[in-house]
Amino acid sequence: GANLDRNGLRPCRYYVTDDDRIVCA
């Protein structure tokens, strides 16, 4: 997984694909 701190100073975007992949960056 991924976790963002409570200040949210860094973005984290994610995609879930139809072949069961998750991409987050």
PDB file of all heavy atoms in Angstrom:
ATOM      1  N   GLY A   1       0.794  -1.208   0.000  1.00  0.00           N
ATOM      2  CA  GLY A   1       0.000   0.000   0.000  1.00  0.00           C
ATOM      3  C   GLY A   1       0.825   1.256   0.000  1.00  0.00           C
ATOM      4  O   GLY A   1       2.052   1.232  -0.145  1.00  0.00           O
ATOM      5  N   ALA A   2       0.123   2.342   0.170  1.00  0.00           N
ATOM      6  CA  ALA A   2       0.727   3.667   0.240  1.00  0.00           C
ATOM      7  C   ALA A   2      -0.014   4.444   1.307  1.00  0.00           C
ATOM      8  O   ALA A   2      -1.204   4.222   1.556  1.00  0.00           O
ATOM      9  CB  ALA A   2       0.624   4.376  -1.104  1.00  0.00           C
ATOM     10  N   ASN A   3       0.698   5.341   1.945  1.00  0.00           N
ATOM     11  CA  ASN A   3       0.100   6.165   2.990  1.00  0.00           C
ATOM     12  C   ASN A   3       0.567   7.598   2.797  1.00  0.00           C
ATOM     13  O   ASN A   3       1.731   7.845   2.482  1.00  0.00           O
ATOM     14  CB  ASN A   3       0.531   5.663   4.370  1.00  0.00           C
ATOM     15  CG  ASN A   3      -0.353   6.197   5.475  1.00  0.00           C
ATOM     16  OD1 ASN A   3      -1.515   5.834   5.570  1.00  0.00           O
ATOM     17  ND2 ASN A   3       0.198   7.050   6.316  1.00  0.00           N
ATOM     18  N   LEU A   4      -0.346   8.505   2.991  1.00  0.00           N
ATOM     19  CA  LEU A   4      -0.060   9.927   2.900  1.00  0.00           C
ATOM     20  C   LEU A   4      -0.182  10.516   4.291  1.00  0.00           C
ATOM     21  O   LEU A   4      -1.114  10.171   5.024  1.00  0.00           O
ATOM     22  CB  LEU A   4      -1.083  10.580   1.957  1.00  0.00           C
ATOM     23  CG  LEU A   4      -0.826  11.976   1.440  1.00  0.00           C
ATOM     24  CD1 LEU A   4       0.465  12.028   0.633  1.00  0.00           C
ATOM     25  CD2 LEU A   4      -1.997  12.429   0.582  1.00  0.00           C
ATOM     26  N   ASP A   5       0.757  11.357   4.669  1.00  0.00           N
ATOM     27  CA  ASP A   5       0.693  11.929   6.013  1.00  0.00           C
ATOM     28  C   ASP A   5      -0.522  12.847   6.163  1.00  0.00           C
ATOM     29  O   ASP A   5      -1.212  13.154   5.200  1.00  0.00           O
ATOM     30  CB  ASP A   5       1.999  12.643   6.380  1.00  0.00           C
ATOM     31  CG  ASP A   5       2.167  14.001   5.707  1.00  0.00           C
ATOM     32  OD1 ASP A   5       1.313  14.421   4.903  1.00  0.00           O
ATOM     33  OD2 ASP A   5       3.178  14.652   5.988  1.00  0.00           O
ATOM     34  N   ARG A   6      -0.776  13.269   7.382  1.00  0.00           N
ATOM     35  CA  ARG A   6      -1.996  14.044   7.662  1.00  0.00           C
ATOM     36  C   ARG A   6      -1.973  15.440   7.076  1.00  0.00           C
ATOM     37  O   ARG A   6      -2.995  16.107   7.002  1.00  0.00           O
ATOM     38  CB  ARG A   6      -2.250  14.079   9.156  1.00  0.00           C
ATOM     39  CG  ARG A   6      -1.139  14.706   9.928  1.00  0.00           C
ATOM     40  CD  ARG A   6      -1.401  14.626  11.401  1.00  0.00           C
ATOM     41  NE  ARG A   6      -0.142  14.801  12.084  1.00  0.00           N
ATOM     42  CZ  ARG A   6       0.164  14.229  13.201  1.00  0.00           C
ATOM     43  NH1 ARG A   6      -0.701  13.450  13.788  1.00  0.00           N
ATOM     44  NH2 ARG A   6       1.311  14.430  13.756  1.00  0.00           N
ATOM     45  N   ASN A   7      -0.791  15.916   6.647  1.00  0.00           N
ATOM     46  CA  ASN A   7      -0.703  17.249   6.041  1.00  0.00           C
ATOM     47  C   ASN A   7      -0.991  17.228   4.551  1.00  0.00           C
ATOM     48  O   ASN A   7      -1.362  18.243   3.979  1.00  0.00           O
ATOM     49  CB  ASN A   7       0.684  17.856   6.291  1.00  0.00           C
ATOM     50  CG  ASN A   7       0.946  18.057   7.764  1.00  0.00           C
ATOM     51  OD1 ASN A   7       0.073  18.518   8.494  1.00  0.00           O
ATOM     52  ND2 ASN A   7       2.124  17.685   8.204  1.00  0.00           N
ATOM     53  N   GLY A   8      -0.797  16.086   3.921  1.00  0.00           N
ATOM     54  CA  GLY A   8      -1.100  15.953   2.497  1.00  0.00           C
ATOM     55  C   GLY A   8      -0.232  16.820   1.600  1.00  0.00           C
ATOM     56  O   GLY A   8      -0.699  17.317   0.583  1.00  0.00           O
ATOM     57  N   LEU A   9       1.030  16.989   1.969  1.00  0.00           N
ATOM     58  CA  LEU A   9       1.902  17.880   1.207  1.00  0.00           C
ATOM     59  C   LEU A   9       2.434  17.248  -0.076  1.00  0.00           C
ATOM     60  O   LEU A   9       2.979  17.946  -0.918  1.00  0.00           O
ATOM     61  CB  LEU A   9       3.072  18.337   2.081  1.00  0.00           C
ATOM     62  CG  LEU A   9       2.655  19.117   3.338  1.00  0.00           C
ATOM     63  CD1 LEU A   9       3.876  19.447   4.183  1.00  0.00           C
ATOM     64  CD2 LEU A   9       1.892  20.370   2.967  1.00  0.00           C
ATOM     65  N   ARG A  10       2.293  15.953  -0.232  1.00  0.00           N
ATOM     66  CA  ARG A  10       2.771  15.276  -1.441  1.00  0.00           C
ATOM     67  C   ARG A  10       1.563  14.625  -2.103  1.00  0.00           C
ATOM     68  O   ARG A  10       0.791  13.942  -1.442  1.00  0.00           O
ATOM     69  CB  ARG A  10       3.796  14.227  -1.062  1.00  0.00           C
ATOM     70  CG  ARG A  10       4.124  13.261  -2.133  1.00  0.00           C
ATOM     71  CD  ARG A  10       5.426  13.364  -2.772  1.00  0.00           C
ATOM     72  NE  ARG A  10       6.431  14.023  -1.999  1.00  0.00           N
ATOM     73  CZ  ARG A  10       7.668  14.086  -2.371  1.00  0.00           C
ATOM     74  NH1 ARG A  10       8.026  13.492  -3.476  1.00  0.00           N
ATOM     75  NH2 ARG A  10       8.560  14.711  -1.673  1.00  0.00           N
ATOM     76  N   PRO A  11       1.399  14.797  -3.402  1.00  0.00           N
ATOM     77  CA  PRO A  11       0.269  14.120  -4.056  1.00  0.00           C
ATOM     78  C   PRO A  11       0.531  12.633  -4.224  1.00  0.00           C
ATOM     79  O   PRO A  11       1.673  12.192  -4.279  1.00  0.00           O
ATOM     80  CB  PRO A  11       0.193  14.814  -5.425  1.00  0.00           C
ATOM     81  CG  PRO A  11       1.573  15.323  -5.670  1.00  0.00           C
ATOM     82  CD  PRO A  11       2.164  15.633  -4.314  1.00  0.00           C
ATOM     83  N   CYS A  12      -0.544  11.871  -4.268  1.00  0.00           N
ATOM     84  CA  CYS A  12      -0.469  10.441  -4.589  1.00  0.00           C
ATOM     85  C   CYS A  12      -1.704  10.108  -5.411  1.00  0.00           C
ATOM     86  O   CYS A  12      -2.818  10.131  -4.899  1.00  0.00           O
ATOM     87  CB  CYS A  12      -0.421   9.581  -3.329  1.00  0.00           C
ATOM     88  SG  CYS A  12      -0.388   7.812  -3.706  1.00  0.00           S
ATOM     89  N   ARG A  13      -1.462   9.836  -6.673  1.00  0.00           N
ATOM     90  CA  ARG A  13      -2.547   9.472  -7.565  1.00  0.00           C
ATOM     91  C   ARG A  13      -2.435   7.983  -7.892  1.00  0.00           C
ATOM     92  O   ARG A  13      -1.335   7.440  -7.931  1.00  0.00           O
ATOM     93  CB  ARG A  13      -2.461  10.297  -8.832  1.00  0.00           C
ATOM     94  CG  ARG A  13      -2.489  11.788  -8.508  1.00  0.00           C
ATOM     95  CD  ARG A  13      -2.942  12.613  -9.621  1.00  0.00           C
ATOM     96  NE  ARG A  13      -3.026  14.031  -9.527  1.00  0.00           N
ATOM     97  CZ  ARG A  13      -2.897  14.842  -8.511  1.00  0.00           C
ATOM     98  NH1 ARG A  13      -2.642  14.376  -7.341  1.00  0.00           N
ATOM     99  NH2 ARG A  13      -3.020  16.137  -8.595  1.00  0.00           N
ATOM    100  N   TYR A  14      -3.579   7.353  -8.126  1.00  0.00           N
ATOM    101  CA  TYR A  14      -3.532   5.923  -8.421  1.00  0.00           C
ATOM    102  C   TYR A  14      -4.561   5.540  -9.480  1.00  0.00           C
ATOM    103  O   TYR A  14      -5.572   6.222  -9.664  1.00  0.00           O
ATOM    104  CB  TYR A  14      -3.734   5.079  -7.161  1.00  0.00           C
ATOM    105  CG  TYR A  14      -5.081   5.249  -6.504  1.00  0.00           C
ATOM    106  CD1 TYR A  14      -6.160   4.457  -6.861  1.00  0.00           C
ATOM    107  CD2 TYR A  14      -5.278   6.209  -5.515  1.00  0.00           C
ATOM    108  CE1 TYR A  14      -7.397   4.615  -6.261  1.00  0.00           C
ATOM    109  CE2 TYR A  14      -6.506   6.372  -4.908  1.00  0.00           C
ATOM    110  CZ  TYR A  14      -7.556   5.577  -5.282  1.00  0.00           C
ATOM    111  OH  TYR A  14      -8.777   5.744  -4.693  1.00  0.00           O
ATOM    112  N   TYR A  15      -4.233   4.463 -10.185  1.00  0.00           N
ATOM    113  CA  TYR A  15      -5.114   3.838 -11.162  1.00  0.00           C
ATOM    114  C   TYR A  15      -5.281   2.379 -10.773  1.00  0.00           C
ATOM    115  O   TYR A  15      -4.340   1.737 -10.323  1.00  0.00           O
ATOM    116  CB  TYR A  15      -4.516   3.843 -12.572  1.00  0.00           C
ATOM    117  CG  TYR A  15      -4.330   5.189 -13.215  1.00  0.00           C
ATOM    118  CD1 TYR A  15      -3.261   5.398 -14.080  1.00  0.00           C
ATOM    119  CD2 TYR A  15      -5.202   6.241 -13.002  1.00  0.00           C
ATOM    120  CE1 TYR A  15      -3.073   6.619 -14.704  1.00  0.00           C
ATOM    121  CE2 TYR A  15      -5.022   7.466 -13.614  1.00  0.00           C
ATOM    122  CZ  TYR A  15      -3.956   7.649 -14.472  1.00  0.00           C
ATOM    123  OH  TYR A  15      -3.769   8.851 -15.085  1.00  0.00           O
ATOM    124  N   VAL A  16      -6.480   1.851 -10.974  1.00  0.00           N
ATOM    125  CA  VAL A  16      -6.747   0.418 -10.878  1.00  0.00           C
ATOM    126  C   VAL A  16      -7.143  -0.003 -12.284  1.00  0.00           C
ATOM    127  O   VAL A  16      -8.013   0.618 -12.894  1.00  0.00           O
ATOM    128  CB  VAL A  16      -7.880   0.105  -9.874  1.00  0.00           C
ATOM    129  CG1 VAL A  16      -8.153  -1.388  -9.826  1.00  0.00           C
ATOM    130  CG2 VAL A  16      -7.549   0.666  -8.498  1.00  0.00           C
ATOM    131  N   THR A  17      -6.488  -1.052 -12.789  1.00  0.00           N
ATOM    132  CA  THR A  17      -6.748  -1.474 -14.156  1.00  0.00           C
ATOM    133  C   THR A  17      -7.607  -2.737 -14.194  1.00  0.00           C
ATOM    134  O   THR A  17      -7.766  -3.424 -13.189  1.00  0.00           O
ATOM    135  CB  THR A  17      -5.421  -1.745 -14.904  1.00  0.00           C
ATOM    136  OG1 THR A  17      -4.745  -2.831 -14.276  1.00  0.00           O
ATOM    137  CG2 THR A  17      -4.533  -0.505 -14.910  1.00  0.00           C
ATOM    138  N   ASP A  18      -8.126  -3.034 -15.391  1.00  0.00           N
ATOM    139  CA  ASP A  18      -9.003  -4.196 -15.553  1.00  0.00           C
ATOM    140  C   ASP A  18      -8.257  -5.528 -15.498  1.00  0.00           C
ATOM    141  O   ASP A  18      -8.881  -6.591 -15.511  1.00  0.00           O
ATOM    142  CB  ASP A  18      -9.819  -4.093 -16.851  1.00  0.00           C
ATOM    143  CG  ASP A  18      -8.963  -4.037 -18.102  1.00  0.00           C
ATOM    144  OD1 ASP A  18      -7.710  -4.103 -18.007  1.00  0.00           O
ATOM    145  OD2 ASP A  18      -9.551  -3.900 -19.194  1.00  0.00           O
ATOM    146  N   ASP A  19      -6.929  -5.495 -15.413  1.00  0.00           N
ATOM    147  CA  ASP A  19      -6.153  -6.729 -15.246  1.00  0.00           C
ATOM    148  C   ASP A  19      -5.559  -6.819 -13.842  1.00  0.00           C
ATOM    149  O   ASP A  19      -4.513  -7.430 -13.632  1.00  0.00           O
ATOM    150  CB  ASP A  19      -5.079  -6.862 -16.323  1.00  0.00           C
ATOM    151  CG  ASP A  19      -4.092  -5.703 -16.323  1.00  0.00           C
ATOM    152  OD1 ASP A  19      -4.327  -4.704 -15.609  1.00  0.00           O
ATOM    153  OD2 ASP A  19      -3.074  -5.800 -17.036  1.00  0.00           O
ATOM    154  N   ASP A  20      -6.256  -6.195 -12.875  1.00  0.00           N
ATOM    155  CA  ASP A  20      -5.923  -6.287 -11.445  1.00  0.00           C
ATOM    156  C   ASP A  20      -4.560  -5.699 -11.078  1.00  0.00           C
ATOM    157  O   ASP A  20      -3.865  -6.219 -10.218  1.00  0.00           O
ATOM    158  CB  ASP A  20      -6.010  -7.727 -10.942  1.00  0.00           C
ATOM    159  CG  ASP A  20      -7.432  -8.249 -10.954  1.00  0.00           C
ATOM    160  OD1 ASP A  20      -8.353  -7.428 -10.797  1.00  0.00           O
ATOM    161  OD2 ASP A  20      -7.623  -9.460 -11.113  1.00  0.00           O
ATOM    162  N   ARG A  21      -4.201  -4.625 -11.717  1.00  0.00           N
ATOM    163  CA  ARG A  21      -2.986  -3.898 -11.331  1.00  0.00           C
ATOM    164  C   ARG A  21      -3.380  -2.577 -10.693  1.00  0.00           C
ATOM    165  O   ARG A  21      -4.402  -1.993 -11.026  1.00  0.00           O
ATOM    166  CB  ARG A  21      -2.097  -3.608 -12.550  1.00  0.00           C
ATOM    167  CG  ARG A  21      -1.417  -4.833 -13.113  1.00  0.00           C
ATOM    168  CD  ARG A  21      -0.466  -4.469 -14.224  1.00  0.00           C
ATOM    169  NE  ARG A  21      -1.198  -3.887 -15.336  1.00  0.00           N
ATOM    170  CZ  ARG A  21      -0.682  -2.996 -16.187  1.00  0.00           C
ATOM    171  NH1 ARG A  21       0.555  -2.586 -16.064  1.00  0.00           N
ATOM    172  NH2 ARG A  21      -1.407  -2.514 -17.165  1.00  0.00           N
ATOM    173  N   ILE A  22      -2.533  -2.150  -9.768  1.00  0.00           N
ATOM    174  CA  ILE A  22      -2.668  -0.813  -9.186  1.00  0.00           C
ATOM    175  C   ILE A  22      -1.363  -0.090  -9.437  1.00  0.00           C
ATOM    176  O   ILE A  22      -0.285  -0.633  -9.183  1.00  0.00           O
ATOM    177  CB  ILE A  22      -2.941  -0.866  -7.672  1.00  0.00           C
ATOM    178  CG1 ILE A  22      -4.304  -1.477  -7.395  1.00  0.00           C
ATOM    179  CG2 ILE A  22      -2.867   0.524  -7.072  1.00  0.00           C
ATOM    180  CD1 ILE A  22      -4.660  -1.516  -5.940  1.00  0.00           C
ATOM    181  N   VAL A  23      -1.475   1.100  -9.941  1.00  0.00           N
ATOM    182  CA  VAL A  23      -0.312   1.944 -10.171  1.00  0.00           C
ATOM    183  C   VAL A  23      -0.518   3.194  -9.340  1.00  0.00           C
ATOM    184  O   VAL A  23      -1.561   3.847  -9.435  1.00  0.00           O
ATOM    185  CB  VAL A  23      -0.182   2.325 -11.663  1.00  0.00           C
ATOM    186  CG1 VAL A  23       0.998   3.261 -11.874  1.00  0.00           C
ATOM    187  CG2 VAL A  23      -0.067   1.083 -12.530  1.00  0.00           C
ATOM    188  N   CYS A  24       0.443   3.491  -8.471  1.00  0.00           N
ATOM    189  CA  CYS A  24       0.331   4.727  -7.707  1.00  0.00           C
ATOM    190  C   CYS A  24       1.659   5.459  -7.770  1.00  0.00           C
ATOM    191  O   CYS A  24       2.719   4.842  -7.784  1.00  0.00           O
ATOM    192  CB  CYS A  24      -0.142   4.480  -6.280  1.00  0.00           C
ATOM    193  SG  CYS A  24       1.065   4.240  -5.017  1.00  0.00           S
ATOM    194  N   ALA A  25       1.581   6.769  -7.857  1.00  0.00           N
ATOM    195  CA  ALA A  25       2.777   7.594  -7.967  1.00  0.00           C
ATOM    196  C   ALA A  25       2.435   9.022  -7.583  1.00  0.00           C
ATOM    197  O   ALA A  25       1.262   9.394  -7.504  1.00  0.00           O
ATOM    198  CB  ALA A  25       3.320   7.556  -9.397  1.00  0.00           C
TER     199      ALA A  25
END
